Amino acid sequence: DLFAFFSPEPVAAASLGQVHRATTKDGQNVAVKVLYPHVRTTMRIDMRVLRLGVALYKRFFVKLHQIDRVLDQLQEMLERETNLEHEARCIFRMNQNFASDPDVLLPRVLTELSNKAVLTMTFMDGVKITNTEALAELGLDPSAVATKLVQSFYKSLFVDRFFHADPHPGNFFVQRGDKGQPRLVILDLGSASEIAPNLADGLGD
């Protein structure tokens, strides 16, 4: 009811949700990320089972040092990734961080068509960053693409202290810029995280 067009077939799917192409009633092409039904409830049940299993293992076998901290971090990450309002805030923040760089692009969130379980964003075109044949067709040097990726990631880590915590190839597209330079498209900010100052300083050292 809220869209002029909504494709029933997803263009991408993952463990927590999937993405559909759609068109808003004012004609914008958008990507709509939708969580799977009951995924938050399933995740909480799985975490309770996992904690019980670890407790039994520690009692009858060997001590697992720091395992409780690992489980806490896992649960915290899953809670973030199953709250699409959190991802919307991360996208807004990362957009601000790269506002002065025209060669790093992120989607824009349509807040009026989003909530905790649905995230509507402007549709971002591009070729997958590992598709060297497609990069060659755009006249882009893979080394220049890699350099842009590393520069953007280091800026996030060492300047902004807020970084993309799930940097697999499916989350990075590339476009050809106005002057033939690579233009990086960053997607899927659900696991974006702040880095502690002491860790960032240690990495710099």
Protein backbone atom coordinates (compact mmCIF):
# COMPACT_ATOMS: atom_id res chain seq x y z
CA ASP A 1 0.00 0.00 0.00
CA LEU A 2 2.90 2.37 0.71
CA PHE A 3 4.78 1.86 -2.58
CA ALA A 4 3.97 2.35 -6.24
CA PHE A 5 5.89 -0.86 -6.98
CA PHE A 6 7.38 -3.56 -4.74
CA SER A 7 9.23 -6.54 -6.22
CA PRO A 8 8.25 -9.82 -4.55
CA GLU A 9 11.65 -11.30 -5.46
CA PRO A 10 14.61 -10.25 -3.28
CA VAL A 11 17.77 -8.88 -4.91
CA ALA A 12 19.83 -10.01 -1.90
CA ALA A 13 19.27 -12.32 1.06
CA ALA A 14 21.22 -13.05 4.23
CA SER A 15 20.74 -14.83 7.55
CA LEU A 16 18.65 -12.10 9.21
CA GLY A 17 16.69 -10.56 6.35
CA GLN A 18 16.50 -9.75 2.65
CA VAL A 19 16.42 -6.76 0.32
CA HIS A 20 13.77 -5.94 -2.30
CA ARG A 21 13.67 -3.32 -5.04
CA ALA A 22 10.74 -0.93 -4.89
CA THR A 23 9.53 2.42 -6.16
CA THR A 24 8.00 5.06 -3.90
CA LYS A 25 4.79 6.84 -4.84
CA ASP A 26 6.82 9.90 -5.80
CA GLY A 27 8.95 7.84 -8.20
CA GLN A 28 12.14 7.17 -6.23
CA ASN A 29 13.92 3.86 -6.79
CA VAL A 30 14.60 2.35 -3.39
CA ALA A 31 15.99 -0.75 -1.69
CA VAL A 32 13.83 -2.11 1.14
CA LYS A 33 15.55 -4.29 3.74
CA VAL A 34 13.10 -6.51 5.63
CA LEU A 35 13.89 -8.68 8.65
CA TYR A 36 12.64 -12.25 8.54
CA PRO A 37 9.53 -12.83 10.68
CA HIS A 38 10.27 -13.66 14.33
CA VAL A 39 14.04 -13.41 13.78
CA ARG A 40 14.55 -11.47 17.04
CA THR A 41 12.65 -14.08 19.07
CA THR A 42 14.56 -16.92 17.39
CA MET A 43 17.87 -15.19 18.06
CA ARG A 44 17.10 -14.74 21.77
CA ILE A 45 16.10 -18.40 22.14
CA ASP A 46 19.26 -19.52 20.34
CA MET A 47 21.41 -17.35 22.64
CA ARG A 48 19.78 -18.86 25.75
CA VAL A 49 20.44 -22.37 24.43
CA LEU A 50 24.03 -21.44 23.58
CA ARG A 51 24.65 -20.00 27.06
CA LEU A 52 23.21 -23.14 28.66
CA GLY A 53 25.43 -25.33 26.51
CA VAL A 54 28.52 -23.33 27.40
CA ALA A 55 27.66 -23.44 31.12
CA LEU A 56 27.34 -27.23 31.00
CA TYR A 57 30.57 -27.57 29.03
CA LYS A 58 32.48 -25.41 31.53
CA ARG A 59 31.10 -27.41 34.45
CA PHE A 60 31.98 -30.87 33.18
CA PHE A 61 34.95 -30.36 30.88
CA VAL A 62 37.44 -27.46 30.72
CA LYS A 63 37.34 -23.79 31.61
CA LEU A 64 36.70 -21.54 28.64
CA HIS A 65 38.37 -18.26 29.49
CA GLN A 66 36.53 -15.11 28.39
CA ILE A 67 33.78 -17.15 26.70
CA ASP A 68 31.06 -15.25 28.57
CA ARG A 69 32.44 -11.97 27.23
CA VAL A 70 32.41 -13.43 23.71
CA LEU A 71 28.77 -14.45 24.13
CA ASP A 72 27.89 -10.98 25.46
CA GLN A 73 29.52 -9.39 22.41
CA LEU A 74 27.73 -11.81 20.07
CA GLN A 75 24.36 -11.04 21.63
CA GLU A 76 25.02 -7.29 21.54
CA MET A 77 25.94 -7.49 17.85
CA LEU A 78 22.84 -9.54 16.99
CA GLU A 79 20.61 -7.13 18.92
CA ARG A 80 22.05 -4.26 16.87
CA GLU A 81 21.72 -6.09 13.57
CA THR A 82 18.08 -6.98 14.23
CA ASN A 83 17.13 -3.37 14.95
CA LEU A 84 17.01 -1.56 11.62
CA GLU A 85 16.47 1.79 13.34
CA HIS A 86 20.01 1.31 14.69
CA GLU A 87 21.27 0.69 11.15
CA ALA A 88 19.50 3.84 9.96
CA ARG A 89 21.38 5.86 12.59
CA CYS A 90 24.67 4.26 11.50
CA ILE A 91 24.01 5.14 7.86
CA PHE A 92 23.27 8.75 8.81
CA ARG A 93 26.47 8.97 10.87
CA MET A 94 28.65 7.42 8.16
CA ASN A 95 27.12 9.76 5.58
CA GLN A 96 28.13 12.69 7.79
CA ASN A 97 31.67 11.31 8.17
CA PHE A 98 32.14 11.14 4.37
CA ALA A 99 30.13 14.23 3.45
CA SER A 100 33.27 15.98 2.15
CA ASP A 101 34.34 13.06 -0.08
CA PRO A 102 32.28 12.81 -3.32
CA ASP A 103 33.92 9.46 -4.10
CA VAL A 104 32.44 7.64 -1.10
CA LEU A 105 28.69 7.11 -1.36
CA LEU A 106 26.13 5.64 1.01
CA PRO A 107 22.37 5.26 0.67
CA ARG A 108 19.99 7.79 2.18
CA VAL A 109 17.34 6.46 4.56
CA LEU A 110 13.66 7.26 3.99
CA THR A 111 12.61 7.44 7.63
CA GLU A 112 8.90 7.72 6.82
CA LEU A 113 9.08 4.23 5.24
CA SER A 114 11.29 2.62 7.89
CA ASN A 115 11.02 1.14 11.38
CA LYS A 116 12.77 -1.52 13.50
CA ALA A 117 11.93 -4.30 11.03
CA VAL A 118 11.94 -2.43 7.69
CA LEU A 119 14.63 -0.12 6.32
CA THR A 120 13.92 1.82 3.11
CA MET A 121 16.93 3.41 1.41
CA THR A 122 17.76 5.02 -1.91
CA PHE A 123 18.83 2.33 -4.38
CA MET A 124 22.58 2.36 -5.01
CA ASP A 125 23.94 1.14 -8.35
CA GLY A 126 27.44 -0.21 -8.87
CA VAL A 127 29.50 -3.29 -9.63
CA LYS A 128 30.75 -5.67 -6.97
CA ILE A 129 34.20 -4.60 -5.80
CA THR A 130 35.73 -8.03 -6.57
CA ASN A 131 34.35 -8.18 -10.13
CA THR A 132 37.54 -7.26 -11.97
CA GLU A 133 35.97 -7.81 -15.41
CA ALA A 134 33.20 -5.32 -14.65
CA LEU A 135 35.77 -2.86 -13.25
CA ALA A 136 37.77 -3.18 -16.48
CA GLU A 137 34.63 -2.48 -18.54
CA LEU A 138 34.23 0.75 -16.54
CA GLY A 139 37.86 1.62 -17.25
CA LEU A 140 38.82 1.36 -13.58
CA ASP A 141 42.17 0.10 -12.29
CA PRO A 142 41.65 -2.52 -9.52
CA SER A 143 44.68 -1.09 -7.69
CA ALA A 144 43.04 2.34 -7.60
CA VAL A 145 39.83 0.74 -6.32
CA ALA A 146 41.76 -1.09 -3.60
CA THR A 147 43.56 2.11 -2.63
CA LYS A 148 40.25 3.97 -2.28
CA LEU A 149 38.85 1.15 -0.15
CA VAL A 150 41.86 1.16 2.19
CA GLN A 151 41.88 4.96 2.45
CA SER A 152 38.18 5.05 3.37
CA PHE A 153 38.57 2.24 5.90
CA TYR A 154 41.59 3.87 7.55
CA LYS A 155 39.74 7.18 7.76
CA SER A 156 36.90 5.37 9.52
CA LEU A 157 39.26 3.65 11.95
CA PHE A 158 41.77 6.35 12.77
CA VAL A 159 39.95 9.64 12.14
CA ASP A 160 36.25 9.00 12.72
CA ARG A 161 36.73 6.06 15.13
CA PHE A 162 33.52 4.57 13.65
CA PHE A 163 33.94 1.76 11.14
CA HIS A 164 32.18 -0.84 8.99
CA ALA A 165 32.43 -4.04 11.04
CA ASP A 166 31.27 -6.42 8.28
CA PRO A 167 33.55 -5.58 5.34
CA HIS A 168 32.88 -8.52 3.00
CA PRO A 169 32.86 -7.92 -0.79
CA GLY A 170 29.06 -7.96 -1.04
CA ASN A 171 28.89 -4.75 0.99
CA PHE A 172 31.04 -2.67 -1.36
CA PHE A 173 30.13 -1.57 -4.88
CA VAL A 174 32.11 0.61 -7.26
CA GLN A 175 31.01 3.29 -9.72
CA ARG A 176 33.03 5.29 -12.23
CA GLY A 177 33.39 8.87 -11.04
CA ASP A 178 33.05 12.00 -13.16
CA LYS A 179 36.80 12.15 -13.87
CA GLY A 180 37.26 8.41 -14.36
CA GLN A 181 38.26 7.72 -10.76
CA PRO A 182 36.73 4.91 -8.69
CA ARG A 183 33.75 5.86 -6.56
CA LEU A 184 33.08 3.59 -3.60
CA VAL A 185 29.54 2.62 -2.54
CA ILE A 186 29.24 1.37 1.05
CA LEU A 187 26.26 -0.80 2.04
CA ASP A 188 24.92 -2.69 5.08
CA LEU A 189 25.90 -0.68 8.16
CA GLY A 190 24.00 -2.84 10.66
CA SER A 191 27.16 -3.92 12.46
CA ALA A 192 29.01 -0.58 12.28
CA SER A 193 30.83 0.07 15.54
CA GLU A 194 32.83 2.62 17.43
CA ILE A 195 36.45 1.75 18.10
CA ALA A 196 37.92 2.37 21.54
CA PRO A 197 40.56 5.14 21.52
CA ASN A 198 43.23 2.91 23.09
CA LEU A 199 42.65 0.22 20.43
CA ALA A 200 42.79 2.76 17.58
CA ASP A 201 46.01 4.23 19.03
CA GLY A 202 47.48 0.75 19.41
CA LEU A 203 46.68 -0.10 15.80
CA GLY A 204 48.31 3.15 14.73
CA ASP A 205 51.47 2.27 16.65
